[in-house]
Amino acid sequence: MKSTIVKNLRPEFEPVAVVWSDTIPADAFQFKNGKFGCVLYLFAQASTRGKITGGSRGSIICTGGRAALGFGTGFDESDEQLDLHAALFSKGLKSAENREAYKAEMAAAPKNWRSMYEYGERRHCSSDLARAWILHEFPRYDIVFRVRAMTISFFHYPMTAPNTFIFLQYPIPWASWTSLQSHFSRTKTQRFSWFLQSLRC
């Protein structure tokens, strides 16, 4: 499969095609139902090793992974979850309104995730901005298919109409891509507001 984006940007990692389906190949790699696993591992296996990987509502239990694959989002299903994710997407424990509840969530997370919980993903410079993003800007999908499956290496993809593509990239090139996208998709007023918001971080 040919891609103008791949041709011009020359990403280091092969893009991944994502397909919606009600079935999944018997030899596809997927997590066991109810067992935590990061969807980025599925994408990496497809991109770097050419494997067919997949996930279902039963095998993807990470809230972020479920949102990314179209299984709905639980970020704001309660005030507690909204506070948790607003803190996680900003400055972690420092941003949490209920620090004791956040510490309990942090303690229950896998060990290698706890520092991320403590310091936050820092997508936003405050929990208020993160909360507004979750409530008003975060894209929401809840597909009708049982499986959002088969993340397949882009160049090995046998069909012509995948549901979406995922580009895996390091932070600095990714920042330049998203900055360009933000620049061309916003009005001048929005761009200036976004610039001032960036300065406040």
C-alpha atoms as a PDB file:
ATOM      1  CA  MET A   1       0.000   0.000   0.000  1.00  0.00           C
ATOM      2  CA  LYS A   2       1.354   3.460  -0.945  1.00  0.00           C
ATOM      3  CA  SER A   3       1.072   6.572   1.188  1.00  0.00           C
ATOM      4  CA  THR A   4       1.921  10.202   0.391  1.00  0.00           C
ATOM      5  CA  ILE A   5       2.413  10.869   4.113  1.00  0.00           C
ATOM      6  CA  VAL A   6       4.912   8.033   4.453  1.00  0.00           C
ATOM      7  CA  LYS A   7       6.698   9.064   1.263  1.00  0.00           C
ATOM      8  CA  ASN A   8       7.175  12.670   2.399  1.00  0.00           C
ATOM      9  CA  LEU A   9       7.644  12.330   6.158  1.00  0.00           C
ATOM     10  CA  ARG A  10       9.623   9.071   6.037  1.00  0.00           C
ATOM     11  CA  PRO A  11       8.710   7.914   9.579  1.00  0.00           C
ATOM     12  CA  GLU A  12      11.144   5.546  11.238  1.00  0.00           C
ATOM     13  CA  PHE A  13       8.414   3.078  12.153  1.00  0.00           C
ATOM     14  CA  GLU A  14       5.970   1.485   9.795  1.00  0.00           C
ATOM     15  CA  PRO A  15       2.401   2.797  10.117  1.00  0.00           C
ATOM     16  CA  VAL A  16      -0.275   0.419  11.358  1.00  0.00           C
ATOM     17  CA  ALA A  17      -3.646  -0.141   9.714  1.00  0.00           C
ATOM     18  CA  VAL A  18      -6.575  -0.659  12.095  1.00  0.00           C
ATOM     19  CA  VAL A  19      -9.612  -2.633  10.987  1.00  0.00           C
ATOM     20  CA  TRP A  20     -13.050  -2.914  12.571  1.00  0.00           C
ATOM     21  CA  SER A  21     -14.461  -6.405  12.623  1.00  0.00           C
ATOM     22  CA  ASP A  22     -16.691  -8.815  14.522  1.00  0.00           C
ATOM     23  CA  THR A  23     -14.085 -11.558  14.235  1.00  0.00           C
ATOM     24  CA  ILE A  24     -10.372 -11.823  14.789  1.00  0.00           C
ATOM     25  CA  PRO A  25      -7.904 -14.254  13.177  1.00  0.00           C
ATOM     26  CA  ALA A  26      -7.072 -17.280  15.305  1.00  0.00           C
ATOM     27  CA  ASP A  27      -3.327 -16.570  15.074  1.00  0.00           C
ATOM     28  CA  ALA A  28      -3.574 -12.863  15.971  1.00  0.00           C
ATOM     29  CA  PHE A  29      -1.765 -11.770  19.115  1.00  0.00           C
ATOM     30  CA  GLN A  30      -4.002 -10.265  21.787  1.00  0.00           C
ATOM     31  CA  PHE A  31      -4.086  -9.893  25.556  1.00  0.00           C
ATOM     32  CA  LYS A  32      -6.020 -12.341  27.692  1.00  0.00           C
ATOM     33  CA  ASN A  33      -9.430 -11.114  28.771  1.00  0.00           C
ATOM     34  CA  GLY A  34      -9.228  -9.067  31.956  1.00  0.00           C
ATOM     35  CA  LYS A  35      -5.412  -8.884  31.961  1.00  0.00           C
ATOM     36  CA  PHE A  36      -3.878  -5.417  31.768  1.00  0.00           C
ATOM     37  CA  GLY A  37      -1.808  -4.623  28.714  1.00  0.00           C
ATOM     38  CA  CYS A  38      -0.893  -1.425  26.876  1.00  0.00           C
ATOM     39  CA  VAL A  39      -2.273  -1.075  23.354  1.00  0.00           C
ATOM     40  CA  LEU A  40       1.016   0.536  22.290  1.00  0.00           C
ATOM     41  CA  TYR A  41       2.564  -2.926  22.599  1.00  0.00           C
ATOM     42  CA  LEU A  42       0.015  -4.215  20.074  1.00  0.00           C
ATOM     43  CA  PHE A  43       0.855  -1.391  17.690  1.00  0.00           C
ATOM     44  CA  ALA A  44       4.597  -1.997  18.150  1.00  0.00           C
ATOM     45  CA  GLN A  45       4.248  -5.705  17.364  1.00  0.00           C
ATOM     46  CA  ALA A  46       2.367  -4.872  14.165  1.00  0.00           C
ATOM     47  CA  SER A  47       4.744  -2.073  13.143  1.00  0.00           C
ATOM     48  CA  THR A  48       8.138  -3.579  13.947  1.00  0.00           C
ATOM     49  CA  ARG A  49       7.476  -7.308  13.559  1.00  0.00           C
ATOM     50  CA  GLY A  50       4.673  -7.388  11.015  1.00  0.00           C
ATOM     51  CA  LYS A  51       2.397  -9.342  13.336  1.00  0.00           C
ATOM     52  CA  ILE A  52      -1.382  -9.235  13.219  1.00  0.00           C
ATOM     53  CA  THR A  53      -2.572  -8.121  16.633  1.00  0.00           C
ATOM     54  CA  GLY A  54      -6.028  -7.415  17.971  1.00  0.00           C
ATOM     55  CA  GLY A  55      -8.208  -6.384  20.833  1.00  0.00           C
ATOM     56  CA  SER A  56     -11.783  -6.691  21.974  1.00  0.00           C
ATOM     57  CA  ARG A  57     -13.948  -5.128  24.640  1.00  0.00           C
ATOM     58  CA  GLY A  58     -12.923  -8.016  26.893  1.00  0.00           C
ATOM     59  CA  SER A  59      -9.177  -7.923  26.282  1.00  0.00           C
ATOM     60  CA  ILE A  60      -8.555  -4.145  26.330  1.00  0.00           C
ATOM     61  CA  ILE A  61      -9.126  -2.981  29.908  1.00  0.00           C
ATOM     62  CA  CYS A  62      -6.950   0.160  30.001  1.00  0.00           C
ATOM     63  CA  THR A  63      -9.258   3.207  29.949  1.00  0.00           C
ATOM     64  CA  GLY A  64      -7.001   5.087  27.537  1.00  0.00           C
ATOM     65  CA  GLY A  65      -6.583   2.045  25.305  1.00  0.00           C
ATOM     66  CA  ARG A  66     -10.339   1.495  25.173  1.00  0.00           C
ATOM     67  CA  ALA A  67     -10.886   5.129  24.197  1.00  0.00           C
ATOM     68  CA  ALA A  68      -8.175   4.961  21.526  1.00  0.00           C
ATOM     69  CA  LEU A  69      -9.627   1.841  19.925  1.00  0.00           C
ATOM     70  CA  GLY A  70     -13.211   3.057  19.860  1.00  0.00           C
ATOM     71  CA  PHE A  71     -14.673   1.155  22.809  1.00  0.00           C
ATOM     72  CA  GLY A  72     -16.050   4.298  24.451  1.00  0.00           C
ATOM     73  CA  THR A  73     -14.411   6.322  27.191  1.00  0.00           C
ATOM     74  CA  GLY A  74     -14.687   6.124  30.945  1.00  0.00           C
ATOM     75  CA  PHE A  75     -12.649   9.257  31.649  1.00  0.00           C
ATOM     76  CA  ASP A  76     -15.707  11.137  32.884  1.00  0.00           C
ATOM     77  CA  GLU A  77     -18.103   8.369  33.917  1.00  0.00           C
ATOM     78  CA  SER A  78     -17.984   9.770  37.470  1.00  0.00           C
ATOM     79  CA  ASP A  79     -16.581  12.834  39.218  1.00  0.00           C
ATOM     80  CA  GLU A  80     -13.878  10.633  40.739  1.00  0.00           C
ATOM     81  CA  GLN A  81     -12.782   9.294  37.329  1.00  0.00           C
ATOM     82  CA  LEU A  82     -12.806  12.803  35.856  1.00  0.00           C
ATOM     83  CA  ASP A  83     -10.581  14.079  38.679  1.00  0.00           C
ATOM     84  CA  LEU A  84      -8.251  11.091  38.299  1.00  0.00           C
ATOM     85  CA  HIS A  85      -7.775  11.530  34.562  1.00  0.00           C
ATOM     86  CA  ALA A  86      -7.582  15.329  34.697  1.00  0.00           C
ATOM     87  CA  ALA A  87      -4.697  14.918  37.154  1.00  0.00           C
ATOM     88  CA  LEU A  88      -3.083  12.111  35.141  1.00  0.00           C
ATOM     89  CA  PHE A  89      -3.190  14.147  31.920  1.00  0.00           C
ATOM     90  CA  SER A  90      -1.663  17.186  33.651  1.00  0.00           C
ATOM     91  CA  LYS A  91       0.776  17.133  36.600  1.00  0.00           C
ATOM     92  CA  GLY A  92      -0.217  13.962  38.398  1.00  0.00           C
ATOM     93  CA  LEU A  93      -0.455  13.968  42.181  1.00  0.00           C
ATOM     94  CA  LYS A  94       0.256  17.695  42.295  1.00  0.00           C
ATOM     95  CA  SER A  95      -2.893  18.333  40.187  1.00  0.00           C
ATOM     96  CA  ALA A  96      -5.256  15.918  41.948  1.00  0.00           C
ATOM     97  CA  GLU A  97      -8.179  17.429  43.846  1.00  0.00           C
ATOM     98  CA  ASN A  98      -8.528  14.332  46.023  1.00  0.00           C
ATOM     99  CA  ARG A  99      -4.943  13.337  46.687  1.00  0.00           C
ATOM    100  CA  GLU A 100      -5.731  10.371  48.909  1.00  0.00           C
ATOM    101  CA  ALA A 101      -7.936   8.788  46.243  1.00  0.00           C
ATOM    102  CA  TYR A 102      -5.270   9.506  43.640  1.00  0.00           C
ATOM    103  CA  LYS A 103      -2.576   7.894  45.799  1.00  0.00           C
ATOM    104  CA  ALA A 104      -4.753   4.792  46.147  1.00  0.00           C
ATOM    105  CA  GLU A 105      -5.131   4.603  42.367  1.00  0.00           C
ATOM    106  CA  MET A 106      -1.398   5.100  41.975  1.00  0.00           C
ATOM    107  CA  ALA A 107      -0.668   2.266  44.422  1.00  0.00           C
ATOM    108  CA  ALA A 108      -2.960  -0.072  42.459  1.00  0.00           C
ATOM    109  CA  ALA A 109      -1.250   0.692  39.132  1.00  0.00           C
ATOM    110  CA  PRO A 110       1.531  -1.543  37.742  1.00  0.00           C
ATOM    111  CA  LYS A 111       4.862  -0.672  39.392  1.00  0.00           C
ATOM    112  CA  ASN A 112       6.439   0.665  36.219  1.00  0.00           C
ATOM    113  CA  TRP A 113       3.499   3.079  35.786  1.00  0.00           C
ATOM    114  CA  ARG A 114       3.619   4.649  39.240  1.00  0.00           C
ATOM    115  CA  SER A 115       6.105   7.399  38.406  1.00  0.00           C
ATOM    116  CA  MET A 116       3.894   8.398  35.469  1.00  0.00           C
ATOM    117  CA  TYR A 117       0.923   8.593  37.835  1.00  0.00           C
ATOM    118  CA  GLU A 118       2.952  10.622  40.307  1.00  0.00           C
ATOM    119  CA  TYR A 119       4.249  13.196  37.821  1.00  0.00           C
ATOM    120  CA  GLY A 120       1.451  12.979  35.242  1.00  0.00           C
ATOM    121  CA  GLU A 121       1.576  12.674  31.470  1.00  0.00           C
ATOM    122  CA  ARG A 122       1.774  16.489  31.235  1.00  0.00           C
ATOM    123  CA  ARG A 123      -0.394  16.720  28.130  1.00  0.00           C
ATOM    124  CA  HIS A 124      -1.887  19.816  29.759  1.00  0.00           C
ATOM    125  CA  CYS A 125      -0.326  22.282  32.176  1.00  0.00           C
ATOM    126  CA  SER A 126      -3.252  22.244  34.610  1.00  0.00           C
ATOM    127  CA  SER A 127      -6.030  19.897  35.666  1.00  0.00           C
ATOM    128  CA  ASP A 128      -8.593  22.532  34.630  1.00  0.00           C
ATOM    129  CA  LEU A 129      -7.317  22.477  31.044  1.00  0.00           C
ATOM    130  CA  ALA A 130      -7.189  18.667  31.091  1.00  0.00           C
ATOM    131  CA  ARG A 131     -10.739  18.496  32.453  1.00  0.00           C
ATOM    132  CA  ALA A 132     -12.014  20.855  29.735  1.00  0.00           C
ATOM    133  CA  TRP A 133     -10.225  18.765  27.096  1.00  0.00           C
ATOM    134  CA  ILE A 134     -11.818  15.544  28.370  1.00  0.00           C
ATOM    135  CA  LEU A 135     -15.303  17.064  28.509  1.00  0.00           C
ATOM    136  CA  HIS A 136     -15.321  19.148  25.338  1.00  0.00           C
ATOM    137  CA  GLU A 137     -12.495  18.224  22.948  1.00  0.00           C
ATOM    138  CA  PHE A 138     -11.600  14.572  23.417  1.00  0.00           C
ATOM    139  CA  PRO A 139     -12.838  12.533  20.403  1.00  0.00           C
ATOM    140  CA  ARG A 140     -15.373   9.896  21.458  1.00  0.00           C
ATOM    141  CA  TYR A 141     -16.135   6.697  19.597  1.00  0.00           C
ATOM    142  CA  ASP A 142     -18.139   3.698  20.671  1.00  0.00           C
ATOM    143  CA  ILE A 143     -18.196   1.390  17.689  1.00  0.00           C
ATOM    144  CA  VAL A 144     -20.869  -1.210  17.040  1.00  0.00           C
ATOM    145  CA  PHE A 145     -18.310  -3.916  16.322  1.00  0.00           C
ATOM    146  CA  ARG A 146     -17.396  -6.397  19.038  1.00  0.00           C
ATOM    147  CA  VAL A 147     -13.745  -6.205  18.007  1.00  0.00           C
ATOM    148  CA  ARG A 148     -11.687  -3.230  16.943  1.00  0.00           C
ATOM    149  CA  ALA A 149      -9.146  -5.668  15.756  1.00  0.00           C
ATOM    150  CA  MET A 150      -6.302  -6.583  13.568  1.00  0.00           C
ATOM    151  CA  THR A 151      -3.726  -3.869  13.832  1.00  0.00           C
ATOM    152  CA  ILE A 152      -1.811  -4.831  10.732  1.00  0.00           C
ATOM    153  CA  SER A 153       1.483  -3.614   9.390  1.00  0.00           C
ATOM    154  CA  PHE A 154       0.590  -0.879   6.874  1.00  0.00           C
ATOM    155  CA  PHE A 155       2.551  -2.290   3.967  1.00  0.00           C
ATOM    156  CA  HIS A 156       1.237  -5.810   4.501  1.00  0.00           C
ATOM    157  CA  TYR A 157      -2.358  -4.694   4.625  1.00  0.00           C
ATOM    158  CA  PRO A 158      -4.334  -6.793   2.101  1.00  0.00           C
ATOM    159  CA  MET A 159      -7.389  -4.552   1.680  1.00  0.00           C
ATOM    160  CA  THR A 160      -7.881  -1.041   0.341  1.00  0.00           C
ATOM    161  CA  ALA A 161     -10.107   0.549   2.994  1.00  0.00           C
ATOM    162  CA  PRO A 162      -8.879   0.245   6.593  1.00  0.00           C
ATOM    163  CA  ASN A 163     -10.811   2.195   9.211  1.00  0.00           C
ATOM    164  CA  THR A 164      -7.820   4.218  10.338  1.00  0.00           C
ATOM    165  CA  PHE A 165      -4.031   4.382  10.359  1.00  0.00           C
ATOM    166  CA  ILE A 166      -1.711   4.872  13.292  1.00  0.00           C
ATOM    167  CA  PHE A 167       1.692   6.490  12.900  1.00  0.00           C
ATOM    168  CA  LEU A 168       4.230   5.619  15.601  1.00  0.00           C
ATOM    169  CA  GLN A 169       6.761   8.369  16.184  1.00  0.00           C
ATOM    170  CA  TYR A 170       9.238   9.766  18.697  1.00  0.00           C
ATOM    171  CA  PRO A 171       8.153  12.865  20.691  1.00  0.00           C
ATOM    172  CA  ILE A 172      10.111  15.559  18.818  1.00  0.00           C
ATOM    173  CA  PRO A 173       9.007  14.659  15.256  1.00  0.00           C
ATOM    174  CA  TRP A 174       5.501  14.042  16.584  1.00  0.00           C
ATOM    175  CA  ALA A 175       5.464  17.500  18.187  1.00  0.00           C
ATOM    176  CA  SER A 176       6.380  19.072  14.850  1.00  0.00           C
ATOM    177  CA  TRP A 177       3.610  17.134  13.060  1.00  0.00           C
ATOM    178  CA  THR A 178       0.971  18.136  15.588  1.00  0.00           C
ATOM    179  CA  SER A 179       2.171  21.744  15.653  1.00  0.00           C
ATOM    180  CA  LEU A 180       1.796  21.958  11.886  1.00  0.00           C
ATOM    181  CA  GLN A 181      -1.617  20.311  12.044  1.00  0.00           C
ATOM    182  CA  SER A 182      -2.719  22.700  14.793  1.00  0.00           C
ATOM    183  CA  HIS A 183      -1.416  25.683  12.844  1.00  0.00           C
ATOM    184  CA  PHE A 184      -3.311  24.889   9.659  1.00  0.00           C
ATOM    185  CA  SER A 185      -6.524  23.712  11.318  1.00  0.00           C
ATOM    186  CA  ARG A 186      -7.095  26.719  13.635  1.00  0.00           C
ATOM    187  CA  THR A 187      -8.114  30.316  13.012  1.00  0.00           C
ATOM    188  CA  LYS A 188      -5.626  33.117  13.790  1.00  0.00           C
ATOM    189  CA  THR A 189      -7.459  33.895  17.035  1.00  0.00           C
ATOM    190  CA  GLN A 190      -7.392  30.253  18.104  1.00  0.00           C
ATOM    191  CA  ARG A 191      -3.695  29.978  17.242  1.00  0.00           C
ATOM    192  CA  PHE A 192      -2.868  33.072  19.341  1.00  0.00           C
ATOM    193  CA  SER A 193      -4.925  31.722  22.263  1.00  0.00           C
ATOM    194  CA  TRP A 194      -3.161  28.349  21.973  1.00  0.00           C
ATOM    195  CA  PHE A 195       0.227  30.142  21.920  1.00  0.00           C
ATOM    196  CA  LEU A 196      -0.587  32.087  25.110  1.00  0.00           C
ATOM    197  CA  GLN A 197      -1.789  28.877  26.773  1.00  0.00           C
ATOM    198  CA  SER A 198       1.532  27.233  25.860  1.00  0.00           C
ATOM    199  CA  LEU A 199       3.436  30.110  27.466  1.00  0.00           C
ATOM    200  CA  ARG A 200       1.520  29.598  30.720  1.00  0.00           C
ATOM    201  CA  CYS A 201       2.717  25.999  30.949  1.00  0.00           C
END
